[in-house]
Amino acid sequence: MSQHVRQIAKDASIVGGATLLSRLLGFFRDMILAYVLGTGIAADAFYVAYRLPNMMRRLFAEGSMTMAFVPVFSRLREEEGDERAFAMPRAALVWLLMILGVLTTLAIVFARPLTLLITPGFADDPKLFELTVELTRIVFPYIIEISVVALCMGVLNSYGHFLAPALATSELNTIIIIGAGVAWLFHLDVAHTLAWAVVVGGFGQVLMQQPQMRKFGFTWRGPWSLRDKGVARMGKLMVPTAFGAAVYQLNIVIGTLLASYLPTGSISYLYYADRLVQFPLGVFGVAVGTVALPGLAKLAASGKTGEFTDTLNASLRLTLFICLPATAGLIALADPMVRVLFGRGAFGADAIAATAGALVAYGAGLPAFACVRPLYAAYFALSDTRTPAVTAAACLMVYVVAGLALMGSTAHVGLALATSISSWFNVLVLGFVLRKKLGGSWFAPGRTTLWGAILSLGVGIGAYATAGHPYPALAGIAVWAVAYMALASLFRVEEARMLTDFVCRRLRRRKGQA
């Protein structure tokens, strides 16, 4: 296995560990929110309002800017040095503040028609509609804060530092938990308190990145220009990427729109189920795509096609090795997971069953959700942002058709299943086109995917057998994870041995330092 692949695995493990902490805090946060908000009017209003700036975040920040920023900034550093390259993020910040400042102002002023556009079904309930409008006006400025965080992430990732950006979400979750606690203790309006907590948490996320930025010699004070060539180059890459991200966010908007016509609580069921799917996806699936981009970009720029292909193949195999057992576990333990994590307070038996059904449907698409990330990294490294954008548009059509066909008979579960179907379509199309670019049969699943699928099936069957006892079933997840890794190592799956060796070295190092 090449050094590039080992570095990707190492960095992905670091990001995955930091994200694991964030996800655990996120689960605790959602448990608190499920208790104080439930799945009623306040919950639907808050999650819709919170979704709007997050949608813009993925469009302007992580969905396009970060992916376009890393290759351009890395090349500037190599060609012209750090001092010249530092002018680029400064100029990018000014552009961000101008563009997002205007959008935020418009969103606050026109919050009412914006809410009506996103959730027309809410118009039938004046109380729900007005609450959503109020919360949208409070939360929307978060897009500015999180976009600055994404810009900092681009700089730090270019230097091979991934930890600080990965920990940023933990800070936000902590602030939201504190906000929920304050609202409960002092009998404040929970939804409004949480909305303000999001804004405060976003500012904290920005501050968290600054010490690491300074360690690499970067300061926001210094020369910059609105006509910066690096920003112009980044902007050209962002156009098709932003279109693709816009299509993806339109997918979310349409899903919210369709769910608004379903019974009250449907949006919340989908939200909580998506949160559970995001746990394994964020811990390792997204991590591989994040850390793979800088390495793939360097290999593509140097014309090392063979090593580029090998690195991408290994990234996909590593992604599947982790996500296949996670998929089996999510589907097998959907009910006990929802019951233990959220089943208390205002979150009753009906909400548990409805959320578990959505979780099973989302779980079926987990491997596809994860594999899209390294595939996107490969396209961006090759400076091809058009193909992912066109494919995303096709996926939107697949989602709409599937969602309309399924929601009539299966309600919100049909919308979750439509998401999985469109994601698998996305992976297949991206893989087919990439095969033509790289030539030949570029992805060979090999022993990793074969043994991963066989062992994951065993994990799923075993976990399902324990599902009738919720707490022991969830406690057994660690046992299944250890058994999966041990058996994979026994059958000489290279990815299992590599990850095990890395963890053992880290533990020995910590023990030695102690």
Protein backbone atom coordinates (compact mmCIF):
# COMPACT_ATOMS: atom_id res chain seq x y z
CA MET A 1 0.00 0.00 0.00
CA SER A 2 1.43 3.39 -1.03
CA GLN A 3 2.52 6.11 1.37
CA HIS A 4 -0.28 8.34 0.04
CA VAL A 5 -2.89 5.77 1.03
CA ARG A 6 -1.36 5.26 4.47
CA GLN A 7 -1.36 9.02 5.02
CA ILE A 8 -5.01 9.21 3.96
CA ALA A 9 -5.89 6.42 6.39
CA LYS A 10 -3.95 8.13 9.18
CA ASP A 11 -5.49 11.56 8.58
CA ALA A 12 -8.95 10.02 8.16
CA SER A 13 -8.52 8.29 11.53
CA ILE A 14 -7.66 11.63 13.15
CA VAL A 15 -10.62 13.37 11.53
CA GLY A 16 -12.83 10.41 12.34
CA GLY A 17 -11.82 10.53 16.00
CA ALA A 18 -12.55 14.24 16.23
CA THR A 19 -15.81 13.77 14.38
CA LEU A 20 -16.72 10.89 16.71
CA LEU A 21 -16.54 13.30 19.64
CA SER A 22 -18.68 15.76 17.72
CA ARG A 23 -21.24 13.09 16.84
CA LEU A 24 -21.46 11.87 20.42
CA LEU A 25 -22.09 15.44 21.54
CA GLY A 26 -24.56 15.73 18.67
CA PHE A 27 -26.47 12.69 19.88
CA PHE A 28 -26.56 14.09 23.40
CA ARG A 29 -27.74 17.38 21.90
CA ASP A 30 -30.50 15.65 19.94
CA MET A 31 -31.56 13.68 23.02
CA ILE A 32 -31.91 16.98 24.87
CA LEU A 33 -33.78 18.59 21.97
CA ALA A 34 -36.07 15.57 21.59
CA TYR A 35 -36.93 15.92 25.27
CA VAL A 36 -37.58 19.67 25.31
CA LEU A 37 -38.94 20.08 21.75
CA GLY A 38 -40.41 16.70 20.80
CA THR A 39 -41.77 16.52 17.26
CA GLY A 40 -44.43 19.22 17.38
CA ILE A 41 -44.78 22.74 16.02
CA ALA A 42 -41.72 24.21 17.76
CA ALA A 43 -39.49 21.37 16.55
CA ASP A 44 -40.62 21.59 12.92
CA ALA A 45 -40.19 25.38 12.93
CA PHE A 46 -36.70 25.25 14.47
CA TYR A 47 -35.39 22.51 12.17
CA VAL A 48 -36.67 24.27 9.05
CA ALA A 49 -35.13 27.58 10.17
CA TYR A 50 -31.84 25.86 11.04
CA ARG A 51 -31.85 23.98 7.73
CA LEU A 52 -31.90 27.16 5.64
CA PRO A 53 -28.44 28.54 6.64
CA ASN A 54 -27.05 25.00 6.59
CA MET A 55 -28.29 24.66 3.04
CA MET A 56 -26.53 27.89 2.11
CA ARG A 57 -23.42 26.71 3.97
CA ARG A 58 -23.14 23.68 1.74
CA LEU A 59 -23.78 25.81 -1.31
CA PHE A 60 -21.27 28.60 -0.63
CA ALA A 61 -18.84 26.95 1.76
CA GLU A 62 -18.29 23.20 1.97
CA GLY A 63 -20.26 22.46 -1.16
CA SER A 64 -18.18 24.56 -3.54
CA MET A 65 -15.74 27.02 -1.99
CA THR A 66 -13.64 24.57 0.04
CA MET A 67 -13.32 22.08 -2.80
CA ALA A 68 -12.28 24.83 -5.23
CA PHE A 69 -10.05 26.60 -2.69
CA VAL A 70 -7.72 23.74 -1.71
CA PRO A 71 -6.22 22.94 -5.17
CA VAL A 72 -5.74 26.62 -6.08
CA PHE A 73 -4.24 27.63 -2.72
CA SER A 74 -1.93 24.59 -2.68
CA ARG A 75 -0.61 25.41 -6.15
CA LEU A 76 -0.08 29.06 -5.21
CA ARG A 77 1.99 28.01 -2.21
CA GLU A 78 4.19 25.78 -4.37
CA GLU A 79 4.62 28.31 -7.17
CA GLU A 80 4.81 31.65 -5.34
CA GLY A 81 5.36 30.90 -1.65
CA ASP A 82 3.24 31.25 1.46
CA GLU A 83 3.25 35.03 1.74
CA ARG A 84 1.81 35.49 -1.75
CA ALA A 85 -0.66 32.67 -1.22
CA PHE A 86 -1.94 34.22 2.03
CA ALA A 87 -3.40 37.13 0.06
CA MET A 88 -5.89 34.70 -1.47
CA PRO A 89 -7.85 33.75 1.70
CA ARG A 90 -7.89 37.40 2.76
CA ALA A 91 -9.46 38.41 -0.55
CA ALA A 92 -11.81 35.42 -0.41
CA LEU A 93 -12.99 36.55 3.04
CA VAL A 94 -13.90 40.00 1.72
CA TRP A 95 -15.85 38.48 -1.15
CA LEU A 96 -17.61 36.12 1.25
CA LEU A 97 -18.65 38.92 3.57
CA MET A 98 -20.00 41.01 0.70
CA ILE A 99 -21.94 38.22 -1.02
CA LEU A 100 -23.28 36.52 2.10
CA GLY A 101 -23.96 39.86 3.78
CA VAL A 102 -26.34 40.77 0.96
CA LEU A 103 -27.98 37.33 0.96
CA THR A 104 -28.44 37.39 4.73
CA THR A 105 -30.00 40.84 4.62
CA LEU A 106 -32.41 39.73 1.89
CA ALA A 107 -33.28 36.57 3.82
CA ILE A 108 -34.10 38.55 6.96
CA VAL A 109 -36.19 41.12 5.09
CA PHE A 110 -38.01 38.55 2.97
CA ALA A 111 -38.18 35.76 5.57
CA ARG A 112 -41.93 35.41 5.15
CA PRO A 113 -42.01 34.64 1.38
CA LEU A 114 -38.84 32.55 1.81
CA THR A 115 -40.54 30.37 4.42
CA LEU A 116 -43.62 30.09 2.23
CA LEU A 117 -41.41 28.98 -0.68
CA ILE A 118 -39.59 26.34 1.37
CA THR A 119 -42.55 25.00 3.34
CA PRO A 120 -45.81 25.98 1.61
CA GLY A 121 -47.66 23.38 3.67
CA PHE A 122 -46.97 25.45 6.80
CA ALA A 123 -49.28 28.18 5.50
CA ASP A 124 -52.24 26.10 6.69
CA ASP A 125 -51.05 26.53 10.29
CA PRO A 126 -50.54 30.28 11.03
CA LYS A 127 -48.84 29.63 14.38
CA LEU A 128 -46.32 27.24 12.85
CA PHE A 129 -45.69 29.56 9.90
CA GLU A 130 -45.09 32.68 12.02
CA LEU A 131 -42.76 30.83 14.39
CA THR A 132 -40.71 29.56 11.45
CA VAL A 133 -40.41 33.09 10.06
CA GLU A 134 -39.19 34.45 13.40
CA LEU A 135 -36.60 31.69 13.87
CA THR A 136 -35.35 32.06 10.29
CA ARG A 137 -34.55 35.72 10.89
CA ILE A 138 -32.55 34.85 13.99
CA VAL A 139 -30.62 31.87 12.63
CA PHE A 140 -29.80 32.93 9.07
CA PRO A 141 -26.66 35.01 9.92
CA TYR A 142 -25.05 31.70 10.92
CA ILE A 143 -24.25 31.20 7.22
CA ILE A 144 -21.66 33.98 7.41
CA GLU A 145 -19.95 32.47 10.45
CA ILE A 146 -19.80 28.90 9.17
CA SER A 147 -18.56 30.05 5.76
CA VAL A 148 -15.61 31.75 7.43
CA VAL A 149 -14.97 28.47 9.28
CA ALA A 150 -15.00 26.65 5.93
CA LEU A 151 -12.48 29.14 4.52
CA CYS A 152 -10.20 28.51 7.49
CA MET A 153 -10.67 24.79 6.95
CA GLY A 154 -9.45 25.15 3.37
CA VAL A 155 -6.26 26.86 4.55
CA LEU A 156 -5.59 24.34 7.33
CA ASN A 157 -6.35 21.31 5.13
CA SER A 158 -3.89 22.58 2.54
CA TYR A 159 -1.21 22.38 5.24
CA GLY A 160 -2.30 18.86 6.14
CA HIS A 161 -4.02 19.94 9.37
CA PHE A 162 -7.51 18.49 9.79
CA LEU A 163 -8.11 18.39 13.55
CA ALA A 164 -9.24 21.93 14.41
CA PRO A 165 -11.93 22.13 11.68
CA ALA A 166 -13.20 18.68 12.66
CA LEU A 167 -13.56 19.80 16.29
CA ALA A 168 -15.50 22.96 15.40
CA THR A 169 -18.86 21.19 15.38
CA SER A 170 -18.26 19.95 18.92
CA GLU A 171 -18.16 23.56 20.08
CA LEU A 172 -21.46 24.32 18.34
CA ASN A 173 -23.13 21.25 19.84
CA THR A 174 -21.91 22.26 23.29
CA ILE A 175 -23.37 25.76 22.96
CA ILE A 176 -26.72 24.39 21.73
CA ILE A 177 -26.85 21.95 24.68
CA ILE A 178 -26.14 24.83 27.06
CA GLY A 179 -28.84 26.88 25.34
CA ALA A 180 -31.39 24.09 25.78
CA GLY A 181 -30.42 23.77 29.44
CA VAL A 182 -30.73 27.51 30.04
CA ALA A 183 -34.16 27.59 28.35
CA TRP A 184 -35.38 24.66 30.47
CA LEU A 185 -34.00 25.97 33.78
CA PHE A 186 -35.26 29.52 33.35
CA HIS A 187 -38.51 28.62 31.54
CA LEU A 188 -37.54 30.53 28.41
CA ASP A 189 -38.98 29.91 24.96
CA VAL A 190 -36.96 26.87 23.86
CA ALA A 191 -37.11 27.41 20.09
CA HIS A 192 -36.00 31.05 20.27
CA THR A 193 -33.25 30.30 22.78
CA LEU A 194 -31.88 27.54 20.56
CA ALA A 195 -31.91 29.84 17.54
CA TRP A 196 -29.75 32.39 19.38
CA ALA A 197 -27.49 29.58 20.63
CA VAL A 198 -26.73 28.63 17.00
CA VAL A 199 -25.54 32.17 16.25
CA VAL A 200 -23.36 32.32 19.39
CA GLY A 201 -21.94 28.87 18.61
CA GLY A 202 -21.05 29.90 15.07
CA PHE A 203 -18.95 32.78 16.36
CA GLY A 204 -17.17 30.37 18.68
CA GLN A 205 -16.39 28.07 15.76
CA VAL A 206 -14.63 30.91 13.97
CA LEU A 207 -12.51 31.73 17.01
CA MET A 208 -11.46 28.07 17.40
CA GLN A 209 -9.63 28.07 14.05
CA GLN A 210 -7.48 31.13 14.66
CA PRO A 211 -4.72 29.65 16.89
CA GLN A 212 -3.92 26.94 14.33
CA MET A 213 -3.98 29.49 11.51
CA ARG A 214 -1.39 31.57 13.36
CA LYS A 215 0.80 28.48 13.90
CA PHE A 216 1.19 28.22 10.12
CA GLY A 217 2.13 31.90 9.93
CA PHE A 218 -1.22 33.15 8.64
CA THR A 219 -2.79 36.41 9.78
CA TRP A 220 -5.84 38.20 8.43
CA ARG A 221 -3.82 41.43 8.39
CA GLY A 222 -1.81 41.83 5.24
CA PRO A 223 -2.08 42.58 1.52
CA TRP A 224 -5.14 41.53 -0.46
CA SER A 225 -6.97 42.55 -3.60
CA LEU A 226 -10.52 42.16 -4.87
CA ARG A 227 -8.87 41.20 -8.19
CA ASP A 228 -6.76 38.45 -6.63
CA LYS A 229 -5.88 35.91 -9.35
CA GLY A 230 -6.21 32.97 -6.99
CA VAL A 231 -9.74 33.98 -6.01
CA ALA A 232 -10.61 34.48 -9.69
CA ARG A 233 -9.32 30.98 -10.48
CA MET A 234 -11.25 29.60 -7.52
CA GLY A 235 -14.38 31.40 -8.73
CA LYS A 236 -14.16 29.73 -12.13
CA LEU A 237 -13.99 26.32 -10.48
CA MET A 238 -16.84 27.24 -8.17
CA VAL A 239 -19.37 28.02 -10.90
CA PRO A 240 -20.17 24.43 -11.91
CA THR A 241 -19.49 23.21 -8.38
CA ALA A 242 -21.94 25.72 -6.93
CA PHE A 243 -24.49 24.60 -9.50
CA GLY A 244 -24.04 21.01 -8.37
CA ALA A 245 -24.30 22.05 -4.73
CA ALA A 246 -27.39 24.12 -5.56
CA VAL A 247 -29.00 21.06 -7.12
CA TYR A 248 -28.17 19.03 -4.02
CA GLN A 249 -29.66 21.69 -1.76
CA LEU A 250 -32.68 21.90 -4.04
CA ASN A 251 -33.06 18.20 -3.35
CA ILE A 252 -33.31 19.03 0.38
CA VAL A 253 -35.72 21.90 -0.30
CA ILE A 254 -37.98 19.68 -2.38
CA GLY A 255 -37.82 17.00 0.31
CA THR A 256 -38.85 19.56 2.93
CA LEU A 257 -41.57 20.87 0.63
CA LEU A 258 -42.98 17.39 0.07
CA ALA A 259 -42.71 16.51 3.76
CA SER A 260 -44.64 19.67 4.67
CA TYR A 261 -47.70 18.09 3.02
CA LEU A 262 -47.38 14.99 5.19
CA PRO A 263 -48.68 14.73 8.77
CA THR A 264 -47.14 17.01 11.41
CA GLY A 265 -43.86 15.60 12.66
CA SER A 266 -42.73 14.15 9.33
CA ILE A 267 -39.95 16.72 8.94
CA SER A 268 -38.74 15.94 12.46
CA TYR A 269 -38.80 12.17 11.84
CA LEU A 270 -36.59 12.66 8.80
CA TYR A 271 -34.30 15.00 10.71
CA TYR A 272 -33.68 12.60 13.61
CA ALA A 273 -33.18 9.63 11.27
CA ASP A 274 -30.74 11.63 9.16
CA ARG A 275 -28.81 12.56 12.29
CA LEU A 276 -28.28 8.88 13.07
CA VAL A 277 -27.11 8.14 9.52
CA GLN A 278 -24.74 11.10 9.67
CA PHE A 279 -22.92 9.50 12.61
CA PRO A 280 -21.01 6.77 10.70
CA LEU A 281 -21.00 8.90 7.56
CA GLY A 282 -19.32 11.80 9.33
CA VAL A 283 -17.01 9.74 11.49
CA PHE A 284 -15.30 8.05 8.57
CA GLY A 285 -17.17 8.37 5.26
CA VAL A 286 -16.80 12.13 4.99
CA ALA A 287 -13.35 11.97 6.60
CA VAL A 288 -11.88 9.92 3.74
CA GLY A 289 -13.16 12.35 1.12
CA THR A 290 -11.89 15.35 3.08
CA VAL A 291 -8.34 14.10 3.58
CA ALA A 292 -8.09 12.52 0.12
CA LEU A 293 -8.54 15.79 -1.80
CA PRO A 294 -5.14 17.43 -1.09
CA GLY A 295 -3.23 14.21 -1.90
CA LEU A 296 -5.22 13.48 -5.05
CA ALA A 297 -4.79 17.08 -6.21
CA LYS A 298 -0.99 16.80 -5.93
CA LEU A 299 -0.93 13.49 -7.82
CA ALA A 300 -3.16 14.86 -10.57
CA ALA A 301 -1.05 18.00 -10.94
CA SER A 302 2.12 15.92 -11.28
CA GLY A 303 0.54 13.63 -13.89
CA LYS A 304 0.90 10.45 -11.82
CA THR A 305 -2.23 8.80 -13.20
CA GLY A 306 -1.37 5.30 -12.02
CA GLU A 307 -0.73 6.36 -8.45
CA PHE A 308 -3.80 8.61 -8.59
CA THR A 309 -5.95 5.62 -9.57
CA ASP A 310 -4.43 3.38 -6.90
CA THR A 311 -4.99 6.01 -4.22
CA LEU A 312 -8.61 6.54 -5.26
CA ASN A 313 -9.27 2.78 -5.36
CA ALA A 314 -7.80 2.34 -1.90
CA SER A 315 -9.88 5.27 -0.60
CA LEU A 316 -13.08 3.68 -1.91
CA ARG A 317 -12.20 0.26 -0.49
CA LEU A 318 -11.41 1.84 2.87
CA THR A 319 -14.74 3.69 2.79
CA LEU A 320 -16.71 0.53 2.04
CA PHE A 321 -14.79 -1.46 4.64
CA ILE A 322 -16.07 0.91 7.34
CA CYS A 323 -19.53 1.70 5.95
CA LEU A 324 -20.76 -1.82 5.17
CA PRO A 325 -20.91 -2.99 8.81
CA ALA A 326 -22.28 0.42 9.81
CA THR A 327 -25.09 -0.05 7.28
CA ALA A 328 -25.88 -3.50 8.65
CA GLY A 329 -25.92 -2.19 12.21
CA LEU A 330 -28.13 0.82 11.42
CA ILE A 331 -30.75 -1.30 9.66
CA ALA A 332 -30.72 -4.09 12.25
CA LEU A 333 -30.81 -1.80 15.29
CA ALA A 334 -32.94 1.06 13.95
CA ASP A 335 -35.72 0.69 16.51
CA PRO A 336 -33.54 0.27 19.63
CA MET A 337 -31.29 3.15 18.54
CA VAL A 338 -34.18 5.57 18.22
CA ARG A 339 -35.86 4.23 21.35
CA VAL A 340 -32.79 4.59 23.57
CA LEU A 341 -31.50 7.89 22.17
CA PHE A 342 -34.73 9.83 21.69
CA GLY A 343 -37.62 7.87 23.24
CA ARG A 344 -38.45 10.03 26.22
CA GLY A 345 -40.41 13.16 27.11
CA ALA A 346 -42.41 14.48 24.16
CA PHE A 347 -40.89 11.84 21.84
CA GLY A 348 -43.47 9.06 22.13
CA ALA A 349 -44.01 5.56 20.72
CA ASP A 350 -45.42 6.78 17.40
CA ALA A 351 -42.42 9.07 16.88
CA ILE A 352 -40.04 6.18 17.66
CA ALA A 353 -41.65 3.89 15.07
CA ALA A 354 -41.83 6.62 12.43
CA THR A 355 -38.20 7.67 12.91
CA ALA A 356 -36.97 4.06 12.89
CA GLY A 357 -38.70 3.46 9.56
CA ALA A 358 -36.95 6.48 8.03
CA LEU A 359 -33.62 5.31 9.48
CA VAL A 360 -33.88 1.93 7.73
CA ALA A 361 -34.58 3.69 4.43
CA TYR A 362 -31.65 6.09 4.87
CA GLY A 363 -29.40 3.25 6.01
CA ALA A 364 -29.79 1.49 2.68
CA GLY A 365 -28.03 4.42 1.04
CA LEU A 366 -25.19 4.84 3.55
CA PRO A 367 -22.47 3.19 1.40
CA ALA A 368 -23.48 5.40 -1.53
CA PHE A 369 -23.51 8.55 0.63
CA ALA A 370 -19.96 7.73 1.76
CA CYS A 371 -18.52 6.71 -1.63
CA VAL A 372 -19.68 9.94 -3.25
CA ARG A 373 -17.15 11.90 -1.15
CA PRO A 374 -13.91 10.33 -2.46
CA LEU A 375 -15.39 10.27 -5.97
CA TYR A 376 -16.05 14.00 -5.75
CA ALA A 377 -12.52 14.51 -4.42
CA ALA A 378 -11.18 12.71 -7.51
CA TYR A 379 -13.17 14.90 -9.91
CA PHE A 380 -12.15 18.12 -8.15
CA ALA A 381 -8.51 17.01 -8.12
CA LEU A 382 -8.79 16.52 -11.89
CA SER A 383 -10.30 20.04 -12.17
CA ASP A 384 -13.51 18.52 -13.53
CA THR A 385 -16.34 20.21 -11.65
CA ARG A 386 -18.81 19.98 -14.54
CA THR A 387 -19.46 16.23 -14.38
CA PRO A 388 -20.50 16.16 -10.70
CA ALA A 389 -22.80 19.14 -11.35
CA VAL A 390 -24.54 17.50 -14.31
CA THR A 391 -24.83 14.22 -12.42
CA ALA A 392 -26.32 16.03 -9.44
CA ALA A 393 -29.01 17.51 -11.69
CA ALA A 394 -29.88 14.03 -12.97
CA CYS A 395 -30.02 12.74 -9.40
CA LEU A 396 -32.48 15.47 -8.50
CA MET A 397 -34.86 14.20 -11.15
CA VAL A 398 -34.45 10.66 -9.85
CA TYR A 399 -35.21 11.85 -6.32
CA VAL A 400 -38.33 13.78 -7.33
CA VAL A 401 -39.74 10.89 -9.35
CA ALA A 402 -38.95 8.34 -6.65
CA GLY A 403 -40.20 10.60 -3.85
CA LEU A 404 -43.53 11.34 -5.52
CA ALA A 405 -43.98 7.66 -6.35
CA LEU A 406 -43.22 6.45 -2.82
CA MET A 407 -44.55 9.11 -0.44
CA GLY A 408 -48.18 8.34 -1.24
CA SER A 409 -47.96 4.82 0.17
CA THR A 410 -45.06 5.10 2.64
CA ALA A 411 -45.20 8.80 3.63
CA HIS A 412 -41.90 10.16 5.01
CA VAL A 413 -40.20 6.75 4.72
CA GLY A 414 -40.68 6.98 0.96
CA LEU A 415 -38.82 10.32 0.90
CA ALA A 416 -35.92 8.79 2.84
CA LEU A 417 -35.81 5.83 0.47
CA ALA A 418 -35.86 8.18 -2.53
CA THR A 419 -32.74 9.85 -1.11
CA SER A 420 -30.96 6.48 -1.00
CA ILE A 421 -32.05 5.57 -4.53
CA SER A 422 -30.82 8.86 -5.99
CA SER A 423 -27.49 8.51 -4.14
CA TRP A 424 -26.84 5.04 -5.59
CA PHE A 425 -27.65 6.45 -9.02
CA ASN A 426 -25.12 9.22 -8.37
CA VAL A 427 -22.35 6.75 -7.46
CA LEU A 428 -22.97 4.57 -10.50
CA VAL A 429 -22.93 7.47 -12.96
CA LEU A 430 -19.86 9.11 -11.41
CA GLY A 431 -18.03 5.79 -11.43
CA PHE A 432 -18.94 5.06 -15.05
CA VAL A 433 -17.72 8.45 -16.29
CA LEU A 434 -14.56 8.29 -14.18
CA ARG A 435 -13.74 4.89 -15.63
CA LYS A 436 -13.67 6.46 -19.08
CA LYS A 437 -11.40 9.24 -17.83
CA LEU A 438 -8.91 6.94 -16.14
CA GLY A 439 -9.24 4.04 -18.56
CA GLY A 440 -9.85 0.38 -17.92
CA SER A 441 -11.44 -1.22 -14.92
CA TRP A 442 -10.22 1.36 -12.42
CA PHE A 443 -12.08 0.09 -9.35
CA ALA A 444 -11.36 -3.44 -8.19
CA PRO A 445 -13.29 -4.21 -4.96
CA GLY A 446 -10.91 -7.06 -4.12
CA ARG A 447 -10.72 -8.94 -0.84
CA THR A 448 -11.57 -5.88 1.23
CA THR A 449 -15.09 -5.40 -0.14
CA LEU A 450 -15.81 -9.14 -0.44
CA TRP A 451 -14.90 -9.94 3.16
CA GLY A 452 -16.42 -6.66 4.33
CA ALA A 453 -19.78 -7.62 2.79
CA ILE A 454 -19.70 -11.18 4.20
CA LEU A 455 -18.71 -10.09 7.70
CA SER A 456 -21.22 -7.20 7.64
CA LEU A 457 -24.01 -9.62 6.84
CA GLY A 458 -23.02 -11.58 9.92
CA VAL A 459 -22.95 -8.39 11.99
CA GLY A 460 -26.43 -7.47 10.78
CA ILE A 461 -27.92 -10.88 11.58
CA GLY A 462 -26.31 -11.00 14.99
CA ALA A 463 -27.33 -7.43 15.88
CA TYR A 464 -30.93 -8.00 14.75
CA ALA A 465 -31.15 -11.03 17.05
CA THR A 466 -30.49 -8.71 20.01
CA ALA A 467 -32.80 -5.88 18.89
CA GLY A 468 -35.56 -6.90 21.30
CA HIS A 469 -33.41 -5.74 24.22
CA PRO A 470 -32.58 -2.10 23.39
CA TYR A 471 -29.88 -1.27 25.92
CA PRO A 472 -27.90 -4.53 25.63
CA ALA A 473 -28.27 -4.31 21.84
CA LEU A 474 -26.64 -0.88 21.72
CA ALA A 475 -23.99 -1.88 24.22
CA GLY A 476 -23.18 -4.77 21.90
CA ILE A 477 -22.22 -2.42 19.06
CA ALA A 478 -18.68 -2.17 20.43
CA VAL A 479 -18.48 -5.98 20.58
CA TRP A 480 -19.60 -6.30 16.97
CA ALA A 481 -17.10 -3.65 15.87
CA VAL A 482 -14.21 -5.43 17.59
CA ALA A 483 -15.32 -8.81 16.18
CA TYR A 484 -15.56 -7.34 12.69
CA MET A 485 -12.06 -5.88 12.83
CA ALA A 486 -10.60 -9.02 14.41
CA LEU A 487 -12.10 -11.37 11.82
CA ALA A 488 -11.10 -9.05 8.98
CA SER A 489 -7.53 -9.05 10.28
CA LEU A 490 -7.67 -12.84 10.60
CA PHE A 491 -8.65 -13.08 6.94
CA ARG A 492 -5.75 -10.76 6.07
CA VAL A 493 -7.78 -7.76 4.96
CA GLU A 494 -5.09 -5.10 4.57
CA GLU A 495 -7.28 -2.16 5.58
CA ALA A 496 -8.15 -3.85 8.88
CA ARG A 497 -4.51 -4.48 9.72
CA MET A 498 -3.52 -0.95 8.74
CA LEU A 499 -6.18 0.68 10.94
CA THR A 500 -5.46 -1.68 13.83
CA ASP A 501 -1.74 -0.98 13.65
CA PHE A 502 -2.32 2.77 13.57
CA VAL A 503 -4.59 2.68 16.64
CA CYS A 504 -2.13 0.45 18.52
CA ARG A 505 0.76 2.82 17.75
CA ARG A 506 -1.26 5.79 18.99
CA LEU A 507 -2.14 3.96 22.22
CA ARG A 508 1.48 2.91 22.82
CA ARG A 509 2.62 6.49 22.21
CA ARG A 510 0.12 7.85 24.72
CA LYS A 511 1.13 5.19 27.24
CA GLY A 512 4.79 6.08 26.77
CA GLN A 513 4.06 9.79 27.25
CA ALA A 514 2.14 9.02 30.42
